[in-house]
C-alpha cells in the first residue's frame, strides 16, 4: 500500500491589523509608489524631484489589497431609531484592517513577513475575496 501525501496549497489570503491608518505608508512601504519628474539641464545632468505624494498600489498581476479600515461589531445592545425600528448598537474594533490576496509568488516573502508581525486570523472575516 502506498501512503497518500496531502500537500496544502500555499496561503493566498492575508488579514492584517495595523494600529492606525497612519501606519500604512510605513508598514506597507513595499506597496507604495512615488512618481518623479526628471529634468535634464543643458549639460545633460538629470535631476529628479518627487511628483505628488507616494500612493498605495492596490493591485498588480501579483497581488490585490483591500483597505477595509475600521471594522464595527455589535455591542449586544439594541437601539431604537426615530421611527421605532430597533437596530444593534455597533462599536469599532481596535485597529485599521487591510486584506491582501496573492495571485502569484512574486511578493510572497514580503507579505508573509507582514503576516508574522501584523497578521490576524479572524473567525469570520468581515470582508472576503470572491
C-alpha atoms as a PDB file:
ATOM      1  CA  UNK A   1       0.000   0.000   0.000  1.00  0.00           C
ATOM      2  CA  UNK A   2       1.178   3.488  -0.727  1.00  0.00           C
ATOM      3  CA  UNK A   3       0.687   6.291   1.723  1.00  0.00           C
ATOM      4  CA  UNK A   4      -1.258   9.269   0.428  1.00  0.00           C
ATOM      5  CA  UNK A   5       0.527  12.580   0.885  1.00  0.00           C
ATOM      6  CA  UNK A   6      -1.639  15.680   1.079  1.00  0.00           C
ATOM      7  CA  UNK A   7       0.097  18.869   0.011  1.00  0.00           C
ATOM      8  CA  UNK A   8      -1.582  22.085   1.131  1.00  0.00           C
ATOM      9  CA  UNK A   9      -1.730  24.984  -1.274  1.00  0.00           C
ATOM     10  CA  UNK A  10       0.258  27.992  -0.101  1.00  0.00           C
ATOM     11  CA  UNK A  11      -1.725  30.594   1.783  1.00  0.00           C
ATOM     12  CA  UNK A  12      -3.024  33.302  -0.531  1.00  0.00           C
ATOM     13  CA  UNK A  13      -5.322  35.437   1.674  1.00  0.00           C
ATOM     14  CA  UNK A  14      -3.831  37.552   4.435  1.00  0.00           C
ATOM     15  CA  UNK A  15      -5.669  39.651   7.014  1.00  0.00           C
ATOM     16  CA  UNK A  16      -3.569  42.419   8.534  1.00  0.00           C
ATOM     17  CA  UNK A  17      -4.339  44.612  11.519  1.00  0.00           C
ATOM     18  CA  UNK A  18      -2.427  47.873  11.893  1.00  0.00           C
ATOM     19  CA  UNK A  19      -2.639  50.217  14.860  1.00  0.00           C
ATOM     20  CA  UNK A  20      -3.950  53.120  12.759  1.00  0.00           C
ATOM     21  CA  UNK A  21      -4.437  54.273   9.166  1.00  0.00           C
ATOM     22  CA  UNK A  22      -1.356  56.473   9.543  1.00  0.00           C
ATOM     23  CA  UNK A  23       0.776  53.287   9.848  1.00  0.00           C
ATOM     24  CA  UNK A  24       0.005  52.224   6.270  1.00  0.00           C
ATOM     25  CA  UNK A  25       2.843  54.097   4.481  1.00  0.00           C
ATOM     26  CA  UNK A  26       5.399  52.606   6.878  1.00  0.00           C
ATOM     27  CA  UNK A  27       4.066  49.067   7.267  1.00  0.00           C
ATOM     28  CA  UNK A  28       3.082  48.699   3.608  1.00  0.00           C
ATOM     29  CA  UNK A  29       6.035  50.686   2.217  1.00  0.00           C
ATOM     30  CA  UNK A  30       6.849  47.951  -0.322  1.00  0.00           C
ATOM     31  CA  UNK A  31       3.425  48.523  -1.899  1.00  0.00           C
ATOM     32  CA  UNK A  32       3.685  52.303  -2.218  1.00  0.00           C
ATOM     33  CA  UNK A  33       4.983  54.084  -5.306  1.00  0.00           C
ATOM     34  CA  UNK A  34       6.389  57.560  -5.775  1.00  0.00           C
ATOM     35  CA  UNK A  35       6.245  59.308  -9.139  1.00  0.00           C
ATOM     36  CA  UNK A  36       9.100  61.594 -10.192  1.00  0.00           C
ATOM     37  CA  UNK A  37       9.679  64.368 -12.699  1.00  0.00           C
ATOM     38  CA  UNK A  38      13.041  64.157 -14.433  1.00  0.00           C
ATOM     39  CA  UNK A  39      14.639  67.373 -15.688  1.00  0.00           C
ATOM     40  CA  UNK A  40      17.754  67.343 -17.876  1.00  0.00           C
ATOM     41  CA  UNK A  41      19.809  70.559 -17.887  1.00  0.00           C
ATOM     42  CA  UNK A  42      21.855  71.935 -20.807  1.00  0.00           C
ATOM     43  CA  UNK A  43      24.896  69.895 -19.713  1.00  0.00           C
ATOM     44  CA  UNK A  44      22.976  66.599 -19.684  1.00  0.00           C
ATOM     45  CA  UNK A  45      22.698  66.289 -15.911  1.00  0.00           C
ATOM     46  CA  UNK A  46      19.446  64.735 -14.692  1.00  0.00           C
ATOM     47  CA  UNK A  47      17.572  65.897 -11.625  1.00  0.00           C
ATOM     48  CA  UNK A  48      14.594  64.020 -10.251  1.00  0.00           C
ATOM     49  CA  UNK A  49      12.019  65.608  -7.988  1.00  0.00           C
ATOM     50  CA  UNK A  50       9.002  63.882  -6.434  1.00  0.00           C
ATOM     51  CA  UNK A  51       5.737  64.478  -8.276  1.00  0.00           C
ATOM     52  CA  UNK A  52       2.953  64.368  -5.675  1.00  0.00           C
ATOM     53  CA  UNK A  53       2.749  62.134  -2.641  1.00  0.00           C
ATOM     54  CA  UNK A  54       3.562  58.425  -2.547  1.00  0.00           C
ATOM     55  CA  UNK A  55       0.444  56.301  -3.138  1.00  0.00           C
ATOM     56  CA  UNK A  56      -0.642  52.753  -2.379  1.00  0.00           C
ATOM     57  CA  UNK A  57      -0.669  50.454  -5.409  1.00  0.00           C
ATOM     58  CA  UNK A  58      -3.735  48.349  -4.597  1.00  0.00           C
ATOM     59  CA  UNK A  59      -3.441  45.761  -7.357  1.00  0.00           C
ATOM     60  CA  UNK A  60      -0.980  44.253  -9.794  1.00  0.00           C
ATOM     61  CA  UNK A  61      -0.740  40.898 -11.562  1.00  0.00           C
ATOM     62  CA  UNK A  62       0.817  39.547  -8.333  1.00  0.00           C
ATOM     63  CA  UNK A  63      -1.478  40.824  -5.563  1.00  0.00           C
ATOM     64  CA  UNK A  64      -4.569  42.780  -4.582  1.00  0.00           C
ATOM     65  CA  UNK A  65      -5.034  44.955  -1.494  1.00  0.00           C
ATOM     66  CA  UNK A  66      -8.405  45.745   0.071  1.00  0.00           C
ATOM     67  CA  UNK A  67      -8.205  48.551   2.627  1.00  0.00           C
ATOM     68  CA  UNK A  68     -11.058  47.667   4.979  1.00  0.00           C
ATOM     69  CA  UNK A  69     -10.264  50.320   7.593  1.00  0.00           C
ATOM     70  CA  UNK A  70     -12.287  50.344  10.790  1.00  0.00           C
ATOM     71  CA  UNK A  71     -14.463  47.309  11.481  1.00  0.00           C
ATOM     72  CA  UNK A  72     -17.599  47.585  13.611  1.00  0.00           C
ATOM     73  CA  UNK A  73     -19.193  44.835  15.688  1.00  0.00           C
ATOM     74  CA  UNK A  74     -22.473  44.680  17.613  1.00  0.00           C
ATOM     75  CA  UNK A  75     -22.171  45.515  21.321  1.00  0.00           C
ATOM     76  CA  UNK A  76     -25.162  43.384  22.306  1.00  0.00           C
ATOM     77  CA  UNK A  77     -27.327  46.451  22.996  1.00  0.00           C
ATOM     78  CA  UNK A  78     -30.296  47.358  20.850  1.00  0.00           C
ATOM     79  CA  UNK A  79     -31.150  50.950  19.903  1.00  0.00           C
ATOM     80  CA  UNK A  80     -34.345  52.437  18.514  1.00  0.00           C
ATOM     81  CA  UNK A  81     -34.478  54.991  15.692  1.00  0.00           C
ATOM     82  CA  UNK A  82     -36.932  57.904  15.375  1.00  0.00           C
ATOM     83  CA  UNK A  83     -39.432  55.655  13.581  1.00  0.00           C
ATOM     84  CA  UNK A  84     -39.438  52.997  16.315  1.00  0.00           C
ATOM     85  CA  UNK A  85     -37.238  50.493  14.453  1.00  0.00           C
ATOM     86  CA  UNK A  86     -34.735  48.580  16.567  1.00  0.00           C
ATOM     87  CA  UNK A  87     -31.173  48.067  15.377  1.00  0.00           C
ATOM     88  CA  UNK A  88     -27.990  46.801  17.020  1.00  0.00           C
ATOM     89  CA  UNK A  89     -25.596  49.276  18.593  1.00  0.00           C
ATOM     90  CA  UNK A  90     -22.202  48.979  16.884  1.00  0.00           C
ATOM     91  CA  UNK A  91     -18.742  49.719  18.284  1.00  0.00           C
ATOM     92  CA  UNK A  92     -15.397  49.926  16.482  1.00  0.00           C
ATOM     93  CA  UNK A  93     -12.924  47.053  16.768  1.00  0.00           C
ATOM     94  CA  UNK A  94      -9.407  48.223  17.633  1.00  0.00           C
ATOM     95  CA  UNK A  95      -7.082  48.695  14.687  1.00  0.00           C
ATOM     96  CA  UNK A  96      -7.015  49.507  10.987  1.00  0.00           C
ATOM     97  CA  UNK A  97      -7.651  46.468   8.812  1.00  0.00           C
ATOM     98  CA  UNK A  98      -6.169  45.563   5.423  1.00  0.00           C
ATOM     99  CA  UNK A  99      -6.777  42.383   3.415  1.00  0.00           C
ATOM    100  CA  UNK A 100      -4.262  41.102   0.881  1.00  0.00           C
ATOM    101  CA  UNK A 101      -4.620  38.361  -1.721  1.00  0.00           C
ATOM    102  CA  UNK A 102      -1.631  36.912  -3.512  1.00  0.00           C
ATOM    103  CA  UNK A 103      -2.119  35.938  -7.127  1.00  0.00           C
ATOM    104  CA  UNK A 104       1.458  34.785  -7.706  1.00  0.00           C
ATOM    105  CA  UNK A 105       4.518  34.295  -5.541  1.00  0.00           C
ATOM    106  CA  UNK A 106       6.481  37.410  -6.578  1.00  0.00           C
ATOM    107  CA  UNK A 107       5.782  39.241  -3.279  1.00  0.00           C
ATOM    108  CA  UNK A 108       5.116  36.191  -1.082  1.00  0.00           C
ATOM    109  CA  UNK A 109       8.139  36.696   1.204  1.00  0.00           C
ATOM    110  CA  UNK A 110       7.201  40.340   1.798  1.00  0.00           C
ATOM    111  CA  UNK A 111       3.556  39.538   2.565  1.00  0.00           C
ATOM    112  CA  UNK A 112       4.441  36.569   4.783  1.00  0.00           C
ATOM    113  CA  UNK A 113       6.784  38.842   6.773  1.00  0.00           C
ATOM    114  CA  UNK A 114       3.894  41.310   7.214  1.00  0.00           C
ATOM    115  CA  UNK A 115       1.664  38.420   8.265  1.00  0.00           C
ATOM    116  CA  UNK A 116       4.148  37.462  11.008  1.00  0.00           C
ATOM    117  CA  UNK A 117       4.085  40.955  12.531  1.00  0.00           C
ATOM    118  CA  UNK A 118       0.577  42.223  11.696  1.00  0.00           C
ATOM    119  CA  UNK A 119      -1.423  39.152  10.690  1.00  0.00           C
ATOM    120  CA  UNK A 120      -4.670  38.167  12.357  1.00  0.00           C
ATOM    121  CA  UNK A 121      -6.873  35.137  11.837  1.00  0.00           C
ATOM    122  CA  UNK A 122     -10.482  36.266  12.036  1.00  0.00           C
ATOM    123  CA  UNK A 123     -13.018  33.545  12.878  1.00  0.00           C
ATOM    124  CA  UNK A 124     -15.440  35.202  10.465  1.00  0.00           C
ATOM    125  CA  UNK A 125     -13.786  37.820   8.239  1.00  0.00           C
ATOM    126  CA  UNK A 126     -15.934  40.941   7.749  1.00  0.00           C
ATOM    127  CA  UNK A 127     -14.900  41.182   4.077  1.00  0.00           C
ATOM    128  CA  UNK A 128     -13.615  38.354   1.911  1.00  0.00           C
ATOM    129  CA  UNK A 129     -12.427  37.921  -1.653  1.00  0.00           C
ATOM    130  CA  UNK A 130     -14.825  36.481  -4.212  1.00  0.00           C
END
